[in-house]
């Protein structure tokens, strides 16, 4: 991991609160990092995310590896304002909203 990536992850320990930021692997933990920053991060954190992973990579990860961490408002912001998903690309909210029951 590049030093700047490691130091930035350490800076946002509160965003990746359920793991030790120093032990995160940028590739293996990519989905976790992306979802945590999209839900809990600041706009500065989201800019770092786009510099670290391409927007297309973030979008692909978001779509292929859903995580039930989002509020309805955050989900709407991420899908419309950050990822700019088109109407035909909208993922199933049930796979992302933390207020909905998990699928068995």
N, C-alpha and C. Protein backbone atom coordinates (compact mmCIF):
# COMPACT_ATOMS: atom_id res chain seq x y z
N UNK A 1 0.85 -1.17 0.00
CA UNK A 1 0.00 0.00 0.00
C UNK A 1 0.89 1.23 0.00
N UNK A 2 0.57 2.21 -0.80
CA UNK A 2 1.33 3.44 -0.83
C UNK A 2 1.24 4.12 0.53
N UNK A 3 2.30 4.83 0.90
CA UNK A 3 2.34 5.51 2.19
C UNK A 3 1.19 6.50 2.33
N UNK A 4 0.88 7.26 1.27
CA UNK A 4 -0.19 8.25 1.36
C UNK A 4 -1.55 7.57 1.59
N UNK A 5 -1.77 6.42 0.98
CA UNK A 5 -3.01 5.69 1.19
C UNK A 5 -3.10 5.19 2.62
N UNK A 6 -2.00 4.65 3.13
CA UNK A 6 -1.97 4.15 4.51
C UNK A 6 -2.21 5.29 5.50
N UNK A 7 -1.56 6.42 5.29
CA UNK A 7 -1.74 7.52 6.23
C UNK A 7 -3.15 8.09 6.14
N UNK A 8 -3.74 8.09 4.95
CA UNK A 8 -5.12 8.59 4.85
C UNK A 8 -6.08 7.64 5.54
N UNK A 9 -5.90 6.36 5.37
CA UNK A 9 -6.77 5.40 6.06
C UNK A 9 -6.66 5.56 7.57
N UNK A 10 -5.46 5.79 8.06
CA UNK A 10 -5.30 6.01 9.51
C UNK A 10 -6.04 7.27 9.94
N UNK A 11 -6.06 8.28 9.09
CA UNK A 11 -6.75 9.53 9.39
C UNK A 11 -8.26 9.32 9.52
N UNK A 12 -8.80 8.36 8.78
CA UNK A 12 -10.26 8.15 8.80
C UNK A 12 -10.66 6.90 9.57
N UNK A 13 -9.91 6.60 10.63
CA UNK A 13 -10.23 5.43 11.46
C UNK A 13 -11.69 5.45 11.90
N UNK A 14 -12.24 6.63 12.16
CA UNK A 14 -13.64 6.74 12.58
C UNK A 14 -14.62 6.33 11.50
N UNK A 15 -14.22 6.43 10.25
CA UNK A 15 -15.09 6.04 9.13
C UNK A 15 -15.04 4.53 8.92
N UNK A 16 -13.88 3.96 9.10
CA UNK A 16 -13.71 2.50 8.97
C UNK A 16 -13.64 1.88 10.37
N UNK A 17 -14.53 2.32 11.21
CA UNK A 17 -14.54 2.07 12.65
C UNK A 17 -14.52 0.61 13.05
N UNK A 18 -15.06 -0.29 12.26
CA UNK A 18 -15.15 -1.69 12.70
C UNK A 18 -13.90 -2.50 12.39
N UNK A 19 -12.92 -1.86 11.79
CA UNK A 19 -11.65 -2.53 11.48
C UNK A 19 -10.49 -1.62 11.88
N UNK A 20 -9.31 -2.19 12.01
CA UNK A 20 -8.11 -1.40 12.25
C UNK A 20 -7.65 -0.84 10.91
N UNK A 21 -7.68 0.48 10.77
CA UNK A 21 -7.33 1.12 9.50
C UNK A 21 -5.93 0.73 9.04
N UNK A 22 -5.03 0.55 9.98
CA UNK A 22 -3.65 0.20 9.63
C UNK A 22 -3.50 -1.18 9.01
N UNK A 23 -4.46 -2.04 9.23
CA UNK A 23 -4.35 -3.40 8.69
C UNK A 23 -5.21 -3.62 7.44
N UNK A 24 -5.87 -2.58 6.97
CA UNK A 24 -6.70 -2.73 5.76
C UNK A 24 -5.83 -2.89 4.52
N UNK A 25 -6.25 -3.76 3.65
CA UNK A 25 -5.59 -3.98 2.36
C UNK A 25 -6.43 -3.28 1.30
N UNK A 26 -5.81 -2.38 0.54
CA UNK A 26 -6.55 -1.56 -0.42
C UNK A 26 -7.30 -2.39 -1.46
N UNK A 27 -6.80 -3.56 -1.79
CA UNK A 27 -7.48 -4.39 -2.78
C UNK A 27 -8.45 -5.38 -2.12
N UNK A 28 -7.98 -6.13 -1.14
CA UNK A 28 -8.83 -7.14 -0.49
C UNK A 28 -10.02 -6.51 0.24
N UNK A 29 -9.81 -5.33 0.82
CA UNK A 29 -10.85 -4.66 1.60
C UNK A 29 -11.51 -3.52 0.83
N UNK A 30 -11.36 -3.55 -0.48
CA UNK A 30 -11.86 -2.46 -1.32
C UNK A 30 -13.36 -2.20 -1.13
N UNK A 31 -14.17 -3.25 -1.14
CA UNK A 31 -15.62 -3.05 -1.00
C UNK A 31 -15.95 -2.44 0.36
N UNK A 32 -15.31 -2.91 1.41
CA UNK A 32 -15.54 -2.36 2.74
C UNK A 32 -15.15 -0.88 2.79
N UNK A 33 -13.98 -0.55 2.28
CA UNK A 33 -13.50 0.83 2.28
C UNK A 33 -14.46 1.72 1.50
N UNK A 34 -14.85 1.29 0.31
CA UNK A 34 -15.75 2.08 -0.53
C UNK A 34 -17.08 2.32 0.18
N UNK A 35 -17.72 1.27 0.66
CA UNK A 35 -19.03 1.44 1.29
C UNK A 35 -18.95 2.29 2.56
N UNK A 36 -17.93 2.08 3.36
CA UNK A 36 -17.80 2.87 4.60
C UNK A 36 -17.62 4.35 4.29
N UNK A 37 -16.78 4.65 3.31
CA UNK A 37 -16.57 6.06 2.97
C UNK A 37 -17.81 6.66 2.33
N UNK A 38 -18.48 5.92 1.46
CA UNK A 38 -19.70 6.46 0.84
C UNK A 38 -20.79 6.72 1.87
N UNK A 39 -20.87 5.90 2.90
CA UNK A 39 -21.91 6.08 3.90
C UNK A 39 -21.49 7.05 5.00
N UNK A 40 -20.29 6.92 5.51
CA UNK A 40 -19.90 7.66 6.70
C UNK A 40 -18.85 8.75 6.46
N UNK A 41 -18.26 8.77 5.28
CA UNK A 41 -17.17 9.71 5.03
C UNK A 41 -17.63 11.12 4.68
N UNK A 42 -16.69 12.03 4.73
CA UNK A 42 -16.93 13.42 4.35
C UNK A 42 -16.75 13.56 2.84
N UNK A 43 -17.05 14.73 2.33
CA UNK A 43 -16.83 14.98 0.90
C UNK A 43 -15.34 14.88 0.57
N UNK A 44 -14.48 15.30 1.50
CA UNK A 44 -13.03 15.15 1.31
C UNK A 44 -12.65 13.68 1.20
N UNK A 45 -13.26 12.84 2.02
CA UNK A 45 -13.00 11.40 1.96
C UNK A 45 -13.44 10.82 0.61
N UNK A 46 -14.56 11.31 0.11
CA UNK A 46 -15.07 10.83 -1.18
C UNK A 46 -14.15 11.25 -2.32
N UNK A 47 -13.55 12.44 -2.22
CA UNK A 47 -12.59 12.88 -3.22
C UNK A 47 -11.35 11.99 -3.19
N UNK A 48 -10.90 11.66 -1.98
CA UNK A 48 -9.76 10.74 -1.85
C UNK A 48 -10.09 9.39 -2.48
N UNK A 49 -11.33 8.93 -2.25
CA UNK A 49 -11.77 7.66 -2.80
C UNK A 49 -11.67 7.67 -4.32
N UNK A 50 -12.11 8.76 -4.94
CA UNK A 50 -12.05 8.87 -6.40
C UNK A 50 -10.61 8.97 -6.91
N UNK A 51 -9.72 9.52 -6.11
CA UNK A 51 -8.30 9.57 -6.52
C UNK A 51 -7.63 8.21 -6.34
N UNK A 52 -8.12 7.43 -5.40
CA UNK A 52 -7.51 6.14 -5.08
C UNK A 52 -8.01 5.03 -6.01
N UNK A 53 -9.31 5.00 -6.23
CA UNK A 53 -9.94 4.05 -7.15
C UNK A 53 -10.62 4.90 -8.22
N UNK A 54 -10.71 4.45 -9.42
CA UNK A 54 -11.43 5.22 -10.44
C UNK A 54 -12.92 5.23 -10.11
N UNK A 55 -13.61 6.24 -10.63
CA UNK A 55 -15.05 6.30 -10.41
C UNK A 55 -15.74 5.06 -10.96
N UNK A 56 -15.26 4.55 -12.09
CA UNK A 56 -15.84 3.33 -12.66
C UNK A 56 -15.60 2.14 -11.74
N UNK A 57 -14.42 2.06 -11.14
CA UNK A 57 -14.10 0.98 -10.20
C UNK A 57 -15.00 1.08 -8.97
N UNK A 58 -15.21 2.27 -8.46
CA UNK A 58 -16.11 2.48 -7.31
C UNK A 58 -17.52 2.04 -7.68
N UNK A 59 -17.97 2.46 -8.84
CA UNK A 59 -19.32 2.13 -9.31
C UNK A 59 -19.48 0.62 -9.46
N UNK A 60 -18.52 -0.04 -10.09
CA UNK A 60 -18.58 -1.49 -10.28
C UNK A 60 -18.61 -2.22 -8.94
N UNK A 61 -17.78 -1.79 -8.01
CA UNK A 61 -17.74 -2.41 -6.69
C UNK A 61 -19.05 -2.19 -5.96
N UNK A 62 -19.57 -0.97 -6.02
CA UNK A 62 -20.85 -0.64 -5.38
C UNK A 62 -21.97 -1.53 -5.92
N UNK A 63 -22.01 -1.72 -7.22
CA UNK A 63 -23.08 -2.48 -7.85
C UNK A 63 -22.92 -3.99 -7.62
N UNK A 64 -21.71 -4.51 -7.63
CA UNK A 64 -21.49 -5.96 -7.56
C UNK A 64 -21.39 -6.50 -6.14
N UNK A 65 -21.05 -5.63 -5.19
CA UNK A 65 -20.87 -6.09 -3.81
C UNK A 65 -21.64 -5.17 -2.86
N UNK A 66 -22.97 -5.28 -2.86
CA UNK A 66 -23.77 -4.40 -2.00
C UNK A 66 -23.48 -4.61 -0.52
N UNK A 67 -23.75 -3.56 0.24
CA UNK A 67 -23.58 -3.62 1.69
C UNK A 67 -24.74 -2.89 2.34
N UNK A 68 -25.34 -3.50 3.34
CA UNK A 68 -26.53 -2.93 3.99
C UNK A 68 -26.11 -1.94 5.08
N UNK A 69 -25.53 -0.82 4.67
CA UNK A 69 -25.08 0.20 5.62
C UNK A 69 -25.73 1.55 5.39
N UNK A 70 -26.50 1.70 4.34
CA UNK A 70 -26.98 3.01 3.91
C UNK A 70 -28.34 3.39 4.50
N UNK A 71 -28.48 4.67 4.78
CA UNK A 71 -29.80 5.24 5.06
C UNK A 71 -30.42 5.55 3.69
N UNK A 72 -31.74 5.73 3.62
CA UNK A 72 -32.34 6.08 2.32
C UNK A 72 -31.75 7.36 1.73
N UNK A 73 -31.48 8.35 2.57
CA UNK A 73 -30.93 9.61 2.08
C UNK A 73 -29.52 9.44 1.53
N UNK A 74 -28.69 8.70 2.24
CA UNK A 74 -27.32 8.47 1.78
C UNK A 74 -27.32 7.64 0.50
N UNK A 75 -28.18 6.63 0.43
CA UNK A 75 -28.27 5.80 -0.77
C UNK A 75 -28.63 6.66 -1.98
N UNK A 76 -29.59 7.55 -1.81
CA UNK A 76 -30.01 8.44 -2.90
C UNK A 76 -28.85 9.36 -3.31
N UNK A 77 -28.15 9.92 -2.35
CA UNK A 77 -27.01 10.79 -2.65
C UNK A 77 -25.95 10.03 -3.43
N UNK A 78 -25.59 8.85 -2.94
CA UNK A 78 -24.53 8.06 -3.57
C UNK A 78 -24.91 7.67 -4.99
N UNK A 79 -26.12 7.16 -5.17
CA UNK A 79 -26.50 6.66 -6.51
C UNK A 79 -26.74 7.79 -7.50
N UNK A 80 -27.27 8.91 -7.05
CA UNK A 80 -27.60 9.99 -7.99
C UNK A 80 -26.51 11.06 -8.09
N UNK A 81 -26.03 11.58 -6.97
CA UNK A 81 -25.10 12.70 -7.00
C UNK A 81 -23.64 12.28 -7.12
N UNK A 82 -23.27 11.16 -6.52
CA UNK A 82 -21.87 10.75 -6.55
C UNK A 82 -21.57 9.82 -7.72
N UNK A 83 -22.34 8.75 -7.85
CA UNK A 83 -22.09 7.78 -8.93
C UNK A 83 -22.79 8.13 -10.23
N UNK A 84 -23.77 9.02 -10.19
CA UNK A 84 -24.53 9.44 -11.37
C UNK A 84 -25.12 8.24 -12.13
N UNK A 85 -25.74 7.32 -11.38
CA UNK A 85 -26.34 6.15 -12.01
C UNK A 85 -27.58 6.58 -12.80
N UNK A 86 -27.75 5.98 -13.95
CA UNK A 86 -28.91 6.24 -14.79
C UNK A 86 -30.09 5.44 -14.26
N UNK A 87 -31.29 5.77 -14.69
CA UNK A 87 -32.49 5.06 -14.24
C UNK A 87 -32.40 3.55 -14.49
N UNK A 88 -31.82 3.17 -15.61
CA UNK A 88 -31.72 1.75 -15.94
C UNK A 88 -30.60 1.04 -15.17
N UNK A 89 -29.79 1.78 -14.40
CA UNK A 89 -28.70 1.20 -13.62
C UNK A 89 -29.02 1.11 -12.13
N UNK A 90 -30.16 1.57 -11.71
CA UNK A 90 -30.48 1.65 -10.29
C UNK A 90 -30.48 0.27 -9.63
N UNK A 91 -29.68 0.11 -8.58
CA UNK A 91 -29.65 -1.17 -7.87
C UNK A 91 -30.86 -1.32 -6.96
N UNK A 92 -31.09 -2.52 -6.49
CA UNK A 92 -32.19 -2.81 -5.58
C UNK A 92 -31.88 -2.24 -4.20
N UNK A 93 -32.65 -1.27 -3.77
CA UNK A 93 -32.43 -0.62 -2.47
C UNK A 93 -32.38 -1.62 -1.32
N UNK A 94 -33.14 -2.69 -1.42
CA UNK A 94 -33.21 -3.68 -0.34
C UNK A 94 -31.84 -4.28 -0.01
N UNK A 95 -30.94 -4.25 -0.98
CA UNK A 95 -29.60 -4.80 -0.76
C UNK A 95 -28.65 -3.81 -0.12
N UNK A 96 -29.09 -2.55 0.05
CA UNK A 96 -28.22 -1.50 0.55
C UNK A 96 -28.72 -0.81 1.81
N UNK A 97 -30.03 -0.74 1.98
CA UNK A 97 -30.59 0.00 3.12
C UNK A 97 -30.50 -0.81 4.40
N UNK A 98 -29.93 -0.20 5.44
CA UNK A 98 -29.77 -0.92 6.69
C UNK A 98 -31.08 -1.07 7.45
N UNK A 99 -32.13 -0.38 7.01
CA UNK A 99 -33.42 -0.46 7.70
C UNK A 99 -34.32 -1.55 7.14
N UNK A 100 -33.83 -2.32 6.19
CA UNK A 100 -34.62 -3.39 5.61
C UNK A 100 -34.10 -4.74 6.09
N UNK A 101 -34.94 -5.74 6.17
CA UNK A 101 -34.48 -7.06 6.63
C UNK A 101 -33.47 -7.66 5.67
N UNK A 102 -32.56 -8.42 6.21
CA UNK A 102 -31.57 -9.13 5.37
C UNK A 102 -32.24 -10.30 4.67
N UNK A 103 -31.76 -10.59 3.48
CA UNK A 103 -32.26 -11.76 2.76
C UNK A 103 -31.60 -13.00 3.33
N UNK A 104 -32.31 -14.10 3.33
CA UNK A 104 -31.74 -15.36 3.82
C UNK A 104 -30.96 -16.05 2.75
